[in-house]
N, C-alpha and C. Protein backbone atom coordinates (compact mmCIF):
# COMPACT_ATOMS: atom_id res chain seq x y z
N MET A 1 6.67 -93.28 20.69
CA MET A 1 5.80 -92.74 19.68
C MET A 1 5.50 -93.85 18.67
N THR A 2 4.28 -93.94 18.22
CA THR A 2 3.92 -94.99 17.28
C THR A 2 4.47 -94.69 15.90
N LYS A 3 4.59 -95.74 15.11
CA LYS A 3 5.11 -95.59 13.76
C LYS A 3 4.21 -94.66 12.94
N ARG A 4 2.90 -94.73 13.15
CA ARG A 4 1.96 -93.90 12.40
C ARG A 4 2.22 -92.42 12.67
N LYS A 5 2.42 -92.04 13.93
CA LYS A 5 2.67 -90.65 14.27
C LYS A 5 4.00 -90.17 13.73
N GLU A 6 5.00 -91.06 13.67
CA GLU A 6 6.32 -90.69 13.19
C GLU A 6 6.32 -90.39 11.70
N LYS A 7 5.42 -90.99 10.95
CA LYS A 7 5.45 -90.90 9.50
C LYS A 7 4.34 -90.02 8.93
N TRP A 8 3.69 -89.22 9.74
CA TRP A 8 2.54 -88.47 9.24
C TRP A 8 2.90 -87.48 8.14
N SER A 9 4.08 -86.86 8.20
CA SER A 9 4.43 -85.87 7.17
C SER A 9 4.66 -86.55 5.82
N ALA A 10 5.26 -87.73 5.83
CA ALA A 10 5.44 -88.47 4.58
C ALA A 10 4.08 -88.88 4.02
N GLU A 11 3.18 -89.27 4.90
CA GLU A 11 1.83 -89.65 4.48
C GLU A 11 1.10 -88.46 3.87
N VAL A 12 1.25 -87.29 4.47
CA VAL A 12 0.63 -86.07 3.94
C VAL A 12 1.18 -85.77 2.56
N THR A 13 2.49 -85.85 2.42
CA THR A 13 3.14 -85.54 1.15
C THR A 13 2.71 -86.50 0.05
N GLU A 14 2.57 -87.78 0.38
CA GLU A 14 2.24 -88.78 -0.62
C GLU A 14 0.75 -88.88 -0.91
N GLY A 15 -0.09 -88.70 0.09
CA GLY A 15 -1.50 -89.00 -0.07
C GLY A 15 -2.42 -87.81 -0.15
N SER A 16 -1.91 -86.62 0.00
CA SER A 16 -2.77 -85.44 -0.02
C SER A 16 -2.84 -84.86 -1.42
N ASP A 17 -3.36 -83.68 -1.52
CA ASP A 17 -3.38 -82.98 -2.80
C ASP A 17 -2.07 -82.24 -3.04
N ALA A 18 -1.06 -82.60 -2.27
CA ALA A 18 0.26 -82.01 -2.48
C ALA A 18 0.79 -82.48 -3.83
N MET A 19 1.62 -81.69 -4.41
CA MET A 19 2.15 -82.05 -5.72
C MET A 19 3.17 -83.17 -5.63
N ASP A 20 3.38 -83.85 -6.73
CA ASP A 20 4.39 -84.91 -6.81
C ASP A 20 5.75 -84.26 -7.02
N LEU A 21 6.72 -84.65 -6.20
CA LEU A 21 8.05 -84.06 -6.26
C LEU A 21 9.02 -84.98 -7.00
N GLU A 22 10.04 -84.38 -7.62
CA GLU A 22 11.12 -85.15 -8.20
C GLU A 22 11.91 -85.77 -7.06
N GLU A 23 12.46 -86.93 -7.29
CA GLU A 23 13.19 -87.65 -6.25
C GLU A 23 14.41 -86.85 -5.78
N ASP A 24 14.62 -86.82 -4.49
CA ASP A 24 15.78 -86.18 -3.85
C ASP A 24 15.89 -84.67 -4.12
N VAL A 25 14.76 -84.02 -4.34
CA VAL A 25 14.77 -82.60 -4.67
C VAL A 25 15.45 -81.75 -3.60
N PHE A 26 15.28 -82.10 -2.35
CA PHE A 26 15.81 -81.27 -1.27
C PHE A 26 17.24 -81.62 -0.87
N THR A 27 17.88 -82.55 -1.56
CA THR A 27 19.24 -82.94 -1.20
C THR A 27 20.30 -82.09 -1.89
N SER A 28 19.92 -81.35 -2.90
CA SER A 28 20.88 -80.51 -3.63
C SER A 28 21.41 -79.38 -2.75
N ASP A 29 22.63 -78.96 -3.02
CA ASP A 29 23.22 -77.80 -2.33
C ASP A 29 23.08 -76.54 -3.17
N ASP A 30 22.38 -76.64 -4.31
CA ASP A 30 22.20 -75.52 -5.22
C ASP A 30 20.76 -74.99 -5.11
N PRO A 31 20.57 -73.81 -4.53
CA PRO A 31 19.22 -73.27 -4.35
C PRO A 31 18.45 -73.15 -5.67
N ARG A 32 19.15 -72.79 -6.75
CA ARG A 32 18.50 -72.64 -8.05
C ARG A 32 17.99 -73.99 -8.56
N GLU A 33 18.77 -75.03 -8.33
CA GLU A 33 18.38 -76.38 -8.76
C GLU A 33 17.14 -76.85 -7.99
N ILE A 34 17.11 -76.59 -6.70
CA ILE A 34 15.94 -76.95 -5.88
C ILE A 34 14.71 -76.21 -6.39
N ALA A 35 14.87 -74.90 -6.60
CA ALA A 35 13.75 -74.09 -7.07
C ALA A 35 13.25 -74.54 -8.44
N ALA A 36 14.17 -74.85 -9.34
CA ALA A 36 13.79 -75.29 -10.69
C ALA A 36 13.03 -76.61 -10.63
N SER A 37 13.47 -77.51 -9.77
CA SER A 37 12.79 -78.79 -9.61
C SER A 37 11.37 -78.60 -9.06
N LEU A 38 11.25 -77.74 -8.05
CA LEU A 38 9.92 -77.46 -7.49
C LEU A 38 9.01 -76.81 -8.53
N LYS A 39 9.56 -75.93 -9.34
CA LYS A 39 8.78 -75.28 -10.38
C LYS A 39 8.28 -76.31 -11.39
N ARG A 40 9.17 -77.19 -11.85
CA ARG A 40 8.76 -78.24 -12.79
C ARG A 40 7.66 -79.11 -12.19
N SER A 41 7.85 -79.50 -10.95
CA SER A 41 6.85 -80.36 -10.29
C SER A 41 5.51 -79.66 -10.16
N ALA A 42 5.54 -78.40 -9.79
CA ALA A 42 4.30 -77.64 -9.60
C ALA A 42 3.56 -77.46 -10.92
N GLU A 43 4.30 -77.23 -11.97
CA GLU A 43 3.66 -77.01 -13.27
C GLU A 43 3.11 -78.30 -13.87
N ARG A 44 3.71 -79.43 -13.53
CA ARG A 44 3.26 -80.73 -14.04
C ARG A 44 2.13 -81.35 -13.22
N SER A 45 2.07 -81.00 -11.95
CA SER A 45 1.18 -81.68 -11.02
C SER A 45 -0.29 -81.51 -11.39
N GLU A 46 -1.00 -82.61 -11.30
CA GLU A 46 -2.45 -82.58 -11.49
C GLU A 46 -3.16 -82.68 -10.14
N ARG A 47 -2.39 -82.86 -9.07
CA ARG A 47 -2.98 -82.99 -7.74
C ARG A 47 -3.03 -81.68 -6.98
N ARG A 48 -2.31 -80.67 -7.42
CA ARG A 48 -2.28 -79.42 -6.67
C ARG A 48 -3.60 -78.68 -6.83
N LYS A 49 -3.93 -77.92 -5.80
CA LYS A 49 -5.16 -77.13 -5.82
C LYS A 49 -4.87 -75.66 -6.08
N ALA A 50 -3.72 -75.18 -5.68
CA ALA A 50 -3.37 -73.77 -5.83
C ALA A 50 -2.58 -73.57 -7.13
N GLU A 51 -2.29 -72.31 -7.46
CA GLU A 51 -1.47 -72.00 -8.62
C GLU A 51 -0.08 -72.59 -8.40
N PRO A 52 0.69 -72.83 -9.49
CA PRO A 52 2.00 -73.47 -9.34
C PRO A 52 2.95 -72.78 -8.37
N PHE A 53 3.04 -71.44 -8.42
CA PHE A 53 3.95 -70.75 -7.51
C PHE A 53 3.60 -71.04 -6.05
N ARG A 54 2.34 -70.89 -5.70
CA ARG A 54 1.94 -71.12 -4.31
C ARG A 54 2.17 -72.56 -3.89
N SER A 55 1.91 -73.51 -4.78
CA SER A 55 2.13 -74.92 -4.46
C SER A 55 3.60 -75.21 -4.22
N ALA A 56 4.46 -74.68 -5.08
CA ALA A 56 5.90 -74.90 -4.94
C ALA A 56 6.43 -74.27 -3.66
N MET A 57 6.03 -73.03 -3.40
CA MET A 57 6.50 -72.34 -2.20
C MET A 57 5.98 -73.04 -0.93
N SER A 58 4.75 -73.48 -0.97
CA SER A 58 4.18 -74.19 0.19
C SER A 58 4.93 -75.48 0.48
N MET A 59 5.29 -76.21 -0.58
CA MET A 59 6.01 -77.47 -0.38
C MET A 59 7.39 -77.20 0.21
N LEU A 60 8.06 -76.16 -0.26
CA LEU A 60 9.38 -75.80 0.27
C LEU A 60 9.28 -75.39 1.73
N THR A 61 8.32 -74.56 2.05
CA THR A 61 8.10 -74.13 3.43
C THR A 61 7.74 -75.30 4.33
N PHE A 62 6.88 -76.19 3.83
CA PHE A 62 6.49 -77.39 4.57
C PHE A 62 7.73 -78.22 4.92
N TYR A 63 8.61 -78.41 3.94
CA TYR A 63 9.81 -79.20 4.17
C TYR A 63 10.71 -78.54 5.23
N ILE A 64 10.92 -77.25 5.10
CA ILE A 64 11.76 -76.52 6.06
C ILE A 64 11.17 -76.63 7.47
N ASN A 65 9.88 -76.43 7.59
CA ASN A 65 9.22 -76.48 8.89
C ASN A 65 9.24 -77.88 9.50
N ARG A 66 9.04 -78.90 8.67
CA ARG A 66 9.03 -80.27 9.19
C ARG A 66 10.42 -80.70 9.63
N ALA A 67 11.46 -80.26 8.92
CA ALA A 67 12.82 -80.64 9.30
C ALA A 67 13.22 -79.96 10.60
N GLY A 68 12.74 -78.74 10.79
CA GLY A 68 12.95 -78.03 12.04
C GLY A 68 14.39 -78.00 12.50
N SER A 69 14.60 -78.34 13.75
CA SER A 69 15.94 -78.26 14.34
C SER A 69 16.86 -79.37 13.83
N ASN A 70 16.32 -80.36 13.12
CA ASN A 70 17.16 -81.42 12.56
C ASN A 70 17.87 -80.97 11.29
N LEU A 71 17.52 -79.79 10.79
CA LEU A 71 18.10 -79.27 9.56
C LEU A 71 19.39 -78.51 9.89
N PRO A 72 20.54 -78.95 9.35
CA PRO A 72 21.78 -78.23 9.61
C PRO A 72 21.69 -76.79 9.12
N GLY A 73 22.38 -75.88 9.79
CA GLY A 73 22.32 -74.46 9.46
C GLY A 73 22.63 -74.15 8.00
N GLY A 74 23.65 -74.81 7.45
CA GLY A 74 24.02 -74.58 6.05
C GLY A 74 22.92 -75.02 5.10
N LYS A 75 22.27 -76.12 5.43
CA LYS A 75 21.20 -76.63 4.56
C LYS A 75 19.98 -75.73 4.64
N LYS A 76 19.70 -75.23 5.84
CA LYS A 76 18.57 -74.31 5.98
C LYS A 76 18.80 -73.04 5.16
N LYS A 77 20.04 -72.57 5.17
CA LYS A 77 20.38 -71.38 4.39
C LYS A 77 20.14 -71.63 2.90
N VAL A 78 20.55 -72.79 2.40
CA VAL A 78 20.34 -73.15 0.99
C VAL A 78 18.84 -73.18 0.68
N LEU A 79 18.04 -73.77 1.57
CA LEU A 79 16.60 -73.87 1.34
C LEU A 79 15.93 -72.50 1.40
N GLU A 80 16.39 -71.64 2.29
CA GLU A 80 15.85 -70.28 2.34
C GLU A 80 16.21 -69.51 1.07
N GLN A 81 17.41 -69.72 0.56
CA GLN A 81 17.81 -69.10 -0.71
C GLN A 81 16.97 -69.63 -1.86
N ALA A 82 16.58 -70.89 -1.76
CA ALA A 82 15.74 -71.50 -2.80
C ALA A 82 14.40 -70.78 -2.89
N LYS A 83 13.92 -70.21 -1.79
CA LYS A 83 12.67 -69.44 -1.82
C LYS A 83 12.83 -68.23 -2.75
N ASP A 84 13.95 -67.51 -2.61
CA ASP A 84 14.20 -66.36 -3.48
C ASP A 84 14.36 -66.79 -4.94
N GLU A 85 15.03 -67.91 -5.14
CA GLU A 85 15.20 -68.43 -6.50
C GLU A 85 13.84 -68.81 -7.11
N LEU A 86 12.98 -69.38 -6.30
CA LEU A 86 11.64 -69.76 -6.75
C LEU A 86 10.85 -68.51 -7.15
N ARG A 87 10.94 -67.48 -6.32
CA ARG A 87 10.28 -66.21 -6.66
C ARG A 87 10.81 -65.69 -8.00
N ASP A 88 12.11 -65.76 -8.18
CA ASP A 88 12.73 -65.29 -9.41
C ASP A 88 12.25 -66.10 -10.62
N LEU A 89 12.23 -67.42 -10.50
CA LEU A 89 11.81 -68.28 -11.61
C LEU A 89 10.35 -68.04 -12.01
N PHE A 90 9.54 -67.66 -11.05
CA PHE A 90 8.13 -67.38 -11.34
C PHE A 90 7.88 -65.91 -11.63
N GLY A 91 8.94 -65.10 -11.64
CA GLY A 91 8.79 -63.69 -11.94
C GLY A 91 8.13 -62.90 -10.83
N ARG A 92 8.30 -63.35 -9.60
CA ARG A 92 7.76 -62.65 -8.43
C ARG A 92 8.84 -61.83 -7.80
N LYS A 93 8.45 -60.81 -7.06
CA LYS A 93 9.43 -59.98 -6.36
C LYS A 93 10.01 -60.77 -5.19
N THR A 94 11.30 -60.60 -4.98
CA THR A 94 11.96 -61.23 -3.83
C THR A 94 11.82 -60.31 -2.63
N LYS A 95 12.19 -60.81 -1.49
CA LYS A 95 12.15 -59.99 -0.26
C LYS A 95 13.01 -58.74 -0.39
N SER A 96 14.07 -58.85 -1.18
CA SER A 96 14.95 -57.69 -1.33
C SER A 96 14.40 -56.68 -2.33
N GLY A 97 13.26 -57.01 -2.97
CA GLY A 97 12.63 -56.07 -3.88
C GLY A 97 13.03 -56.28 -5.33
N LYS A 98 13.95 -57.22 -5.58
CA LYS A 98 14.36 -57.50 -6.96
C LYS A 98 13.33 -58.40 -7.62
N GLY A 99 13.31 -58.39 -8.94
CA GLY A 99 12.50 -59.35 -9.68
C GLY A 99 11.26 -58.86 -10.20
């Protein structure tokens, strides 16, 4: 596989209208910390096209989908929990109906 094809997701994240992320945002083991970082980034970003909540959730989903099977089960669980935390921080209802 060529180097260009291997790095397309990084290129999309850096060069598209995707929001600018805080460094190492997805390395935390705290779902609330990940969600808070995404919220800050979404609210500050001048490159996003959608509302902050949608931009933050899209970036989180994009990361989870791109990592795919390379994402350890425990880390995937933390990132999925970060979705609920993000909904909570933005005052949206969670899947469980809370919020």
